[in-house]
Protein backbone atom coordinates (compact mmCIF):
# COMPACT_ATOMS: atom_id res chain seq x y z
CA MET A 1 0.03 0.00 0.03
CA ARG A 2 1.23 3.50 -0.81
CA HIS A 3 0.59 6.03 1.84
CA GLY A 4 -2.46 8.38 1.51
CA GLU A 5 -2.54 11.88 0.11
CA ALA A 6 -0.04 14.05 1.94
CA GLU A 7 0.54 17.75 2.26
CA ARG A 8 2.54 19.30 -0.35
CA PRO A 9 6.35 19.50 0.06
CA GLY A 10 7.90 22.70 1.35
CA GLY A 11 5.67 23.45 4.35
CA HIS A 12 7.68 21.25 6.75
CA ALA A 13 11.33 21.37 7.98
CA GLU A 14 11.87 17.77 6.72
CA ASP A 15 9.99 15.88 3.92
CA ARG A 16 9.53 12.87 6.27
CA LEU A 17 7.46 15.03 8.57
CA ARG A 18 4.69 15.78 6.00
CA PRO A 19 1.43 14.52 7.27
CA LEU A 20 -1.66 13.21 5.37
CA THR A 21 -4.13 15.93 4.36
CA ALA A 22 -7.57 15.88 5.87
CA HIS A 23 -8.81 14.40 2.53
CA GLY A 24 -5.97 11.83 2.51
CA HIS A 25 -6.96 10.80 6.05
CA ALA A 26 -10.64 10.53 5.20
CA THR A 27 -9.95 8.59 2.01
CA GLN A 28 -7.62 6.12 3.72
CA GLN A 29 -10.35 5.32 6.36
CA ARG A 30 -12.61 4.32 3.48
CA VAL A 31 -9.92 2.42 1.81
CA ALA A 32 -9.19 0.50 4.90
CA GLN A 33 -12.84 -0.21 5.45
CA ALA A 34 -12.99 -1.62 1.91
CA LEU A 35 -9.98 -3.79 2.40
CA VAL A 36 -11.32 -5.58 5.48
CA SER A 37 -13.02 -8.27 3.45
CA LEU A 38 -10.03 -8.62 1.03
CA ILE A 39 -7.07 -8.88 3.41
CA GLN A 40 -8.21 -9.82 6.90
CA PRO A 41 -6.93 -10.98 9.14
CA LEU A 42 -3.42 -9.58 8.83
CA ASP A 43 -0.59 -11.22 10.58
CA TYR A 44 1.82 -8.33 10.26
CA LEU A 45 1.53 -4.66 9.29
CA LEU A 46 4.90 -3.07 8.31
CA SER A 47 5.36 0.62 7.82
CA SER A 48 7.86 3.17 6.74
CA PRO A 49 8.67 5.37 9.66
CA VAL A 50 7.93 8.49 7.59
CA LEU A 51 4.94 10.29 9.13
CA ARG A 52 2.53 10.00 6.17
CA ALA A 53 3.18 6.27 5.90
CA ARG A 54 2.83 5.67 9.60
CA GLN A 55 -0.44 7.61 9.63
CA THR A 56 -1.71 5.37 6.81
CA ALA A 57 -0.64 2.31 8.65
CA ASP A 58 -2.45 3.50 11.83
CA ILE A 59 -5.66 4.05 9.84
CA ALA A 60 -5.31 0.54 8.36
CA ALA A 61 -4.64 -1.04 11.71
CA ALA A 62 -7.82 0.62 13.18
CA ALA A 63 -9.97 -1.02 10.52
CA ILE A 64 -8.35 -4.33 9.66
CA PRO A 65 -7.74 -6.99 12.31
CA CYS A 66 -4.02 -7.77 12.82
CA THR A 67 -2.43 -10.25 15.25
CA THR A 68 0.61 -8.00 15.94
CA PRO A 69 1.35 -4.31 16.46
CA ILE A 70 2.60 -2.16 13.60
CA GLU A 71 6.27 -2.59 12.92
CA GLU A 72 8.21 0.36 11.56
CA THR A 73 11.19 -0.27 9.33
CA SER A 74 13.43 2.00 7.29
CA ILE A 75 13.61 -0.76 4.73
CA LEU A 76 10.31 0.58 3.54
CA ALA A 77 11.62 4.21 3.39
CA ASP A 78 15.16 5.43 2.51
CA ALA A 79 16.77 2.09 2.73
CA CYS A 80 14.28 0.43 0.33
CA THR A 81 15.78 -1.87 -2.20
CA VAL A 82 14.42 -5.15 -3.64
CA GLY A 83 17.13 -7.13 -1.88
CA ALA A 84 16.49 -5.50 1.45
CA VAL A 85 12.75 -6.05 1.26
CA LEU A 86 13.21 -9.66 0.19
CA ASN A 87 15.55 -10.28 3.17
CA LEU A 88 12.96 -8.50 5.53
CA LEU A 89 10.12 -10.63 4.26
CA GLN A 90 12.18 -13.84 4.77
CA GLU A 91 12.01 -13.21 8.55
CA TYR A 92 8.27 -13.90 8.56
CA PRO A 93 6.46 -17.20 8.28
CA ARG A 94 6.01 -18.43 4.70
CA ASP A 95 2.27 -18.18 4.76
CA ALA A 96 2.04 -14.83 6.70
CA ARG A 97 -0.41 -12.18 5.54
CA ILE A 98 1.63 -8.94 5.48
CA LEU A 99 0.62 -5.43 4.62
CA CYS A 100 3.47 -3.13 3.87
CA VAL A 101 2.91 0.73 3.74
CA SER A 102 5.58 2.57 1.85
CA HIS A 103 6.23 5.20 -0.89
CA GLU A 104 6.79 5.69 -4.61
CA PRO A 105 8.84 4.79 -6.56
CA TYR A 106 9.56 1.88 -4.20
CA MET A 107 6.13 0.30 -4.40
CA SER A 108 6.07 0.31 -8.23
CA ARG A 109 9.54 -1.11 -8.30
CA LEU A 110 8.96 -3.85 -5.77
CA SER A 111 5.63 -4.94 -7.25
CA ALA A 112 7.09 -5.04 -10.68
CA VAL A 113 10.05 -7.28 -9.55
CA PHE A 114 7.75 -9.55 -7.51
CA LEU A 115 5.43 -10.05 -10.53
CA ASP A 116 7.82 -10.30 -13.55
CA GLY A 117 11.19 -10.94 -11.91
CA GLU A 118 13.00 -8.08 -13.62
CA GLY A 119 10.94 -5.01 -12.84
CA ARG A 120 9.63 -4.39 -16.34
CA SER A 121 6.02 -4.17 -15.34
CA ALA A 122 4.65 -0.67 -15.02
CA ILE A 123 2.21 -0.16 -12.10
CA ALA A 124 1.54 3.40 -11.04
CA PHE A 125 0.72 3.78 -7.41
CA GLN A 126 -1.26 6.91 -6.77
CA PRO A 127 -1.47 7.86 -3.07
CA GLY A 128 -3.50 5.33 -1.20
CA SER A 129 -3.28 2.69 -3.92
CA VAL A 130 -3.19 -1.02 -2.79
CA LEU A 131 -1.79 -4.11 -4.49
CA GLY A 132 -2.15 -7.60 -3.36
CA ILE A 133 0.29 -10.24 -4.37
CA THR A 134 0.31 -13.94 -3.33
CA PHE A 135 3.35 -16.10 -3.14
CA HIS A 136 3.72 -19.87 -2.74
CA GLY A 137 6.30 -19.80 0.09
CA HIS A 138 8.51 -16.73 0.79
CA PRO A 139 8.49 -13.86 -1.69
CA SER A 140 10.96 -14.09 -4.53
CA PRO A 141 11.34 -12.12 -7.82
CA GLY A 142 8.96 -13.24 -10.57
CA HIS A 143 7.00 -15.67 -8.35
CA GLY A 144 4.21 -13.36 -7.18
CA MET A 145 0.68 -13.71 -8.52
CA LEU A 146 -1.44 -10.58 -8.68
CA ARG A 147 -4.57 -10.85 -6.48
CA PHE A 148 -5.83 -7.21 -6.96
CA PHE A 149 -4.76 -3.65 -7.63
CA PHE A 150 -6.96 -0.83 -6.55
CA GLN A 151 -6.70 2.97 -6.66
CA PRO A 152 -8.40 4.69 -3.85
CA HIS A 153 -11.37 5.79 -5.81
CA ASP A 154 -12.02 2.17 -6.88
CA LEU A 155 -12.24 1.01 -3.21
CA VAL A 156 -14.39 3.89 -2.19
CA SER A 157 -16.76 3.24 -5.14
CA LEU A 158 -17.09 -0.40 -3.85
CA LEU A 159 -18.14 0.81 -0.40
CA ASP A 160 -20.56 3.32 -1.97
CA ALA A 161 -22.17 0.63 -4.03
CA GLU A 162 -23.09 -1.50 -0.98
């Protein structure tokens, strides 16, 4: 999951301190509600420590049952590489249901490598977008199977249709 809509750069001493906008917060609450039936229960919720990502993770955790507290890791922020994420995910059980909250361009790059093995796929993550990938065993390049990809407006539309 990419973090929700954040305030524009420039208004904060550091980029990592930019919070979600009021609209981003409200949209992520709706996104999290829509995700409940798709991804619950979660075993682990991992988040970048950057404020806007952590706020998005907090919103998800409030809506989606998870058996463990949110874990912050810089591997989903500045230290994000395919190898680092693969190593991180090896630490969890093979059948774990994990939600990662991070940033662009990391989310696009990771999902592309997980799906095609080389990162040639083009998936554009707008703020609040969610992609579900299934693996048989631990994640590895090219062995992911796409379960779903939703932009925030798609998920909100699903809730409104109910």
